[in-house]
Structure formats: C-alpha cells, structure tokens
Protein backbone atom coordinates (compact mmCIF):
# COMPACT_ATOMS: atom_id res chain seq x y z
CA UNK A 1 105.90 127.69 113.79
CA UNK A 2 103.70 125.07 115.32
CA UNK A 3 103.02 125.35 119.01
CA UNK A 4 104.43 122.73 121.58
CA UNK A 5 101.05 121.05 122.01
CA UNK A 6 100.68 120.34 118.19
CA UNK A 7 104.12 119.02 117.93
CA UNK A 8 103.60 116.81 120.95
CA UNK A 9 100.35 115.47 119.24
CA UNK A 10 102.13 114.74 116.05
CA UNK A 11 104.81 112.79 117.92
CA UNK A 12 102.04 110.88 119.69
CA UNK A 13 100.46 110.03 116.33
CA UNK A 14 103.74 109.09 114.61
CA UNK A 15 104.59 106.80 117.56
CA UNK A 16 101.25 104.86 117.27
CA UNK A 17 101.55 104.64 113.45
CA UNK A 18 105.14 103.19 113.82
CA UNK A 19 104.00 100.83 116.51
CA UNK A 20 101.28 99.58 114.23
CA UNK A 21 103.84 99.24 111.32
CA UNK A 22 106.02 97.16 113.50
CA UNK A 23 102.90 94.79 114.43
CA UNK A 24 102.19 94.06 110.74
CA UNK A 25 102.52 90.36 110.00
CA UNK A 26 104.87 88.93 107.35
CA UNK A 27 103.46 89.23 103.86
CA UNK A 28 102.60 86.27 101.71
CA UNK A 29 104.72 86.13 98.48
CA UNK A 30 101.78 87.26 96.38
CA UNK A 31 101.51 90.53 98.36
CA UNK A 32 105.19 91.40 98.72
CA UNK A 33 105.17 93.90 95.83
CA UNK A 34 102.24 95.73 97.24
CA UNK A 35 103.65 95.71 100.79
CA UNK A 36 106.96 97.21 99.66
CA UNK A 37 105.13 99.87 97.42
CA UNK A 38 102.68 100.75 100.35
CA UNK A 39 105.43 100.96 102.87
CA UNK A 40 107.54 103.30 100.74
CA UNK A 41 104.41 105.55 100.33
CA UNK A 42 103.74 105.30 104.10
CA UNK A 43 107.33 106.32 104.96
CA UNK A 44 107.24 109.23 102.53
CA UNK A 45 103.99 110.45 104.07
CA UNK A 46 105.48 110.12 107.49
CA UNK A 47 108.67 112.01 106.52
CA UNK A 48 106.54 114.87 105.24
CA UNK A 49 104.25 114.99 108.24
CA UNK A 50 101.30 113.93 106.12
CA UNK A 51 99.91 111.92 109.04
CA UNK A 52 96.37 111.27 107.72
CA UNK A 53 97.86 110.05 104.49
CA UNK A 54 100.23 107.77 106.42
CA UNK A 55 97.24 106.46 108.37
CA UNK A 56 95.52 105.73 105.18
CA UNK A 57 98.37 103.84 103.74
CA UNK A 58 99.01 101.81 106.70
CA UNK A 59 95.43 100.92 107.16
CA UNK A 60 95.46 99.66 103.50
CA UNK A 61 98.54 97.49 104.46
CA UNK A 62 96.61 96.23 107.53
CA UNK A 63 93.79 95.05 105.33
CA UNK A 64 96.13 93.53 102.67
CA UNK A 65 98.09 91.51 105.28
CA UNK A 66 95.22 90.65 107.59
CA UNK A 67 96.70 92.53 110.67
CA UNK A 68 95.92 91.34 114.09
CA UNK A 69 93.97 93.44 116.79
CA UNK A 70 96.80 95.45 118.35
CA UNK A 71 97.52 96.89 114.98
CA UNK A 72 94.04 98.04 114.60
CA UNK A 73 93.82 99.43 118.21
CA UNK A 74 96.99 101.56 117.49
CA UNK A 75 95.45 102.92 114.33
CA UNK A 76 92.32 103.76 116.30
CA UNK A 77 94.25 105.67 118.90
CA UNK A 78 96.17 107.36 116.15
CA UNK A 79 93.01 108.52 114.44
CA UNK A 80 91.51 109.58 117.78
CA UNK A 81 94.67 111.62 118.49
CA UNK A 82 94.25 113.40 115.11
CA UNK A 83 90.53 114.12 115.72
CA UNK A 84 89.44 111.91 113.02
CA UNK A 85 86.41 110.64 114.86
CA UNK A 86 84.62 109.64 111.63
CA UNK A 87 87.31 106.91 111.09
CA UNK A 88 86.82 105.29 114.44
CA UNK A 89 83.92 103.02 113.60
CA UNK A 90 85.66 101.41 110.67
CA UNK A 91 88.85 100.87 112.82
CA UNK A 92 86.88 99.45 115.64
CA UNK A 93 85.12 97.06 113.18
CA UNK A 94 88.55 96.03 111.72
CA UNK A 95 89.75 95.45 115.33
CA UNK A 96 86.64 93.18 115.91
CA UNK A 97 87.07 91.27 112.73
CA UNK A 98 90.94 90.90 113.12
CA UNK A 99 92.26 87.34 113.25
CA UNK A 100 93.63 86.21 116.54
CA UNK A 101 97.40 86.29 116.86
CA UNK A 102 98.92 82.95 117.06
CA UNK A 103 101.53 82.45 119.84
CA UNK A 104 105.10 82.49 118.78
C-alpha cells in the first residue's frame, strides 16, 4: 500500500492536471474529433493513476488547441511534482510561446 506522502503527491498532480484540463480553450470544429479522443484517453489514464501518461495526453491537447499560459504553468507544476525535471524546459517554452488569453 502506498504511503501517505505518495498519495498526497498523486492528489496534487491530479489536481494540477485537472485544473489544466479546465483551462483548455474551446476547440475549433476541425479538431473536435481529436479533442474528444484525447480527452477520453486522458480520463482513462487519470482513472488508472497513470499520471505521466495523463500528462502526455493533456500536453498534446494543449498543443492541438493552442492553450494559454496558465495551462502550461499547471503542467509545469505537475511535472515538477512528479519529479519529471527533464520535461520542464519544454513546458516552460510552451508557456513562453503561449498566446495571450483574451479577456472575456
């Protein structure tokens, strides 16, 4: 059975990934099928505690949908929480390249 600290770390990562998912912009019609497919995969990975695979999938969605900066910061924090330091430079670049969010 996993220890308390590991479970806490998983919950933090899951929260960051879900926050990123909620920050995804609407998808253009031409990307709708891919968005639905990737979201389904993401949710399956999350349900099975395959957090790195969930990160991979939500990152792919972010690139597909041109996600804004906050999305990338949440993914950066999730990767950092998982100890995936090798992923941080690409996520930081995605953040710096992200389009500015338009006011609602």
